[in-house]
């Protein structure tokens, strides 16, 4: 972080922590940017887009994909029909 000793010793613990967090964030952003460029270069070279992602290059867990509203609605309808069938069965 290139601090002069006098500047370092005047910092509070909270200021030092904030500076460390910012420094780590800057490094992570640079790594993510580099991984994005590499993934696009590999895809352009012919690699499968599903196999070369930023998360995979960084060794992170893949982000969950969001389901479409159609899938959610179909699940709700199926759940309702199951519930309705149980209610009809219990009423008999």
C-alpha atoms as a PDB file:
ATOM      1  CA  UNK A   1       0.000   0.000   0.000  1.00  0.00           C
ATOM      2  CA  UNK A   2       3.144   2.132  -0.013  1.00  0.00           C
ATOM      3  CA  UNK A   3       2.553   3.948   3.255  1.00  0.00           C
ATOM      4  CA  UNK A   4       5.274   5.978   4.911  1.00  0.00           C
ATOM      5  CA  UNK A   5       6.026   4.765   8.464  1.00  0.00           C
ATOM      6  CA  UNK A   6       4.770   7.987  10.034  1.00  0.00           C
ATOM      7  CA  UNK A   7       1.486   7.694   8.116  1.00  0.00           C
ATOM      8  CA  UNK A   8       1.121   4.040   9.073  1.00  0.00           C
ATOM      9  CA  UNK A   9       1.566   4.692  12.794  1.00  0.00           C
ATOM     10  CA  UNK A  10      -1.035   7.499  12.784  1.00  0.00           C
ATOM     11  CA  UNK A  11      -3.742   5.205  11.418  1.00  0.00           C
ATOM     12  CA  UNK A  12      -6.443   3.829  13.653  1.00  0.00           C
ATOM     13  CA  UNK A  13      -7.258   0.150  13.537  1.00  0.00           C
ATOM     14  CA  UNK A  14     -10.514   0.870  11.685  1.00  0.00           C
ATOM     15  CA  UNK A  15      -8.701   2.960   9.060  1.00  0.00           C
ATOM     16  CA  UNK A  16      -6.083   0.235   8.604  1.00  0.00           C
ATOM     17  CA  UNK A  17      -8.807  -2.413   8.215  1.00  0.00           C
ATOM     18  CA  UNK A  18     -10.637  -0.277   5.625  1.00  0.00           C
ATOM     19  CA  UNK A  19      -7.405   0.196   3.685  1.00  0.00           C
ATOM     20  CA  UNK A  20      -6.702  -3.551   3.730  1.00  0.00           C
ATOM     21  CA  UNK A  21     -10.233  -4.328   2.571  1.00  0.00           C
ATOM     22  CA  UNK A  22      -9.929  -1.808  -0.262  1.00  0.00           C
ATOM     23  CA  UNK A  23      -6.560  -3.223  -1.294  1.00  0.00           C
ATOM     24  CA  UNK A  24      -7.937  -6.790  -1.352  1.00  0.00           C
ATOM     25  CA  UNK A  25     -10.966  -5.620  -3.322  1.00  0.00           C
ATOM     26  CA  UNK A  26      -8.722  -3.923  -5.883  1.00  0.00           C
ATOM     27  CA  UNK A  27      -6.670  -7.100  -6.323  1.00  0.00           C
ATOM     28  CA  UNK A  28      -9.809  -9.266  -6.662  1.00  0.00           C
ATOM     29  CA  UNK A  29     -11.266  -6.895  -9.264  1.00  0.00           C
ATOM     30  CA  UNK A  30      -8.043  -7.130 -11.277  1.00  0.00           C
ATOM     31  CA  UNK A  31      -8.084 -10.934 -11.110  1.00  0.00           C
ATOM     32  CA  UNK A  32     -11.744 -11.021 -12.157  1.00  0.00           C
ATOM     33  CA  UNK A  33     -11.032  -8.653 -15.075  1.00  0.00           C
ATOM     34  CA  UNK A  34      -8.108 -10.825 -16.219  1.00  0.00           C
ATOM     35  CA  UNK A  35     -10.201 -14.005 -15.942  1.00  0.00           C
ATOM     36  CA  UNK A  36     -12.941 -12.369 -18.023  1.00  0.00           C
ATOM     37  CA  UNK A  37     -10.472 -11.506 -20.780  1.00  0.00           C
ATOM     38  CA  UNK A  38      -8.923 -15.003 -20.727  1.00  0.00           C
ATOM     39  CA  UNK A  39     -12.343 -16.674 -20.839  1.00  0.00           C
ATOM     40  CA  UNK A  40     -13.355 -14.637 -23.882  1.00  0.00           C
ATOM     41  CA  UNK A  41     -10.060 -15.389 -25.620  1.00  0.00           C
ATOM     42  CA  UNK A  42     -10.477 -19.111 -24.968  1.00  0.00           C
ATOM     43  CA  UNK A  43     -14.069 -19.060 -26.219  1.00  0.00           C
ATOM     44  CA  UNK A  44     -12.934 -17.223 -29.355  1.00  0.00           C
ATOM     45  CA  UNK A  45     -10.239 -19.907 -29.806  1.00  0.00           C
ATOM     46  CA  UNK A  46     -12.924 -22.600 -29.830  1.00  0.00           C
ATOM     47  CA  UNK A  47     -13.394 -23.717 -26.220  1.00  0.00           C
ATOM     48  CA  UNK A  48     -16.882 -24.514 -25.009  1.00  0.00           C
ATOM     49  CA  UNK A  49     -18.425 -21.469 -23.304  1.00  0.00           C
ATOM     50  CA  UNK A  50     -19.871 -23.598 -20.491  1.00  0.00           C
ATOM     51  CA  UNK A  51     -16.468 -25.030 -19.621  1.00  0.00           C
ATOM     52  CA  UNK A  52     -14.580 -21.716 -19.582  1.00  0.00           C
ATOM     53  CA  UNK A  53     -16.243 -19.252 -17.229  1.00  0.00           C
ATOM     54  CA  UNK A  54     -14.834 -16.562 -14.997  1.00  0.00           C
ATOM     55  CA  UNK A  55     -15.895 -18.471 -11.886  1.00  0.00           C
ATOM     56  CA  UNK A  56     -14.243 -21.679 -13.074  1.00  0.00           C
ATOM     57  CA  UNK A  57     -11.020 -19.869 -13.964  1.00  0.00           C
ATOM     58  CA  UNK A  58     -10.942 -18.293 -10.506  1.00  0.00           C
ATOM     59  CA  UNK A  59     -11.830 -21.557  -8.763  1.00  0.00           C
ATOM     60  CA  UNK A  60     -15.102 -20.173  -7.442  1.00  0.00           C
ATOM     61  CA  UNK A  61     -18.497 -21.791  -7.183  1.00  0.00           C
ATOM     62  CA  UNK A  62     -20.673 -21.145 -10.216  1.00  0.00           C
ATOM     63  CA  UNK A  63     -23.444 -18.617  -9.582  1.00  0.00           C
ATOM     64  CA  UNK A  64     -26.930 -20.070  -9.586  1.00  0.00           C
ATOM     65  CA  UNK A  65     -28.914 -19.452 -12.717  1.00  0.00           C
ATOM     66  CA  UNK A  66     -32.242 -17.806 -12.239  1.00  0.00           C
ATOM     67  CA  UNK A  67     -35.263 -19.836 -13.269  1.00  0.00           C
ATOM     68  CA  UNK A  68     -37.697 -18.329 -15.685  1.00  0.00           C
ATOM     69  CA  UNK A  69     -41.119 -17.221 -14.508  1.00  0.00           C
ATOM     70  CA  UNK A  70     -42.663 -19.953 -16.636  1.00  0.00           C
ATOM     71  CA  UNK A  71     -40.818 -22.628 -14.611  1.00  0.00           C
ATOM     72  CA  UNK A  72     -41.924 -21.008 -11.347  1.00  0.00           C
ATOM     73  CA  UNK A  73     -45.532 -20.830 -12.505  1.00  0.00           C
ATOM     74  CA  UNK A  74     -45.504 -24.461 -13.662  1.00  0.00           C
ATOM     75  CA  UNK A  75     -44.137 -25.535 -10.256  1.00  0.00           C
ATOM     76  CA  UNK A  76     -46.826 -23.539  -8.444  1.00  0.00           C
ATOM     77  CA  UNK A  77     -49.561 -25.130 -10.569  1.00  0.00           C
ATOM     78  CA  UNK A  78     -48.170 -28.629  -9.958  1.00  0.00           C
ATOM     79  CA  UNK A  79     -47.953 -27.967  -6.201  1.00  0.00           C
ATOM     80  CA  UNK A  80     -51.526 -26.650  -6.174  1.00  0.00           C
ATOM     81  CA  UNK A  81     -52.803 -29.704  -8.047  1.00  0.00           C
ATOM     82  CA  UNK A  82     -51.064 -32.044  -5.571  1.00  0.00           C
ATOM     83  CA  UNK A  83     -52.516 -30.131  -2.637  1.00  0.00           C
ATOM     84  CA  UNK A  84     -55.988 -30.151  -4.188  1.00  0.00           C
ATOM     85  CA  UNK A  85     -55.797 -33.916  -4.822  1.00  0.00           C
ATOM     86  CA  UNK A  86     -54.834 -34.517  -1.163  1.00  0.00           C
ATOM     87  CA  UNK A  87     -57.733 -32.330   0.016  1.00  0.00           C
ATOM     88  CA  UNK A  88     -60.198 -34.222  -2.198  1.00  0.00           C
ATOM     89  CA  UNK A  89     -58.839 -37.545  -0.997  1.00  0.00           C
ATOM     90  CA  UNK A  90     -59.124 -36.464   2.658  1.00  0.00           C
ATOM     91  CA  UNK A  91     -62.694 -35.237   2.137  1.00  0.00           C
ATOM     92  CA  UNK A  92     -63.890 -38.649   0.849  1.00  0.00           C
END
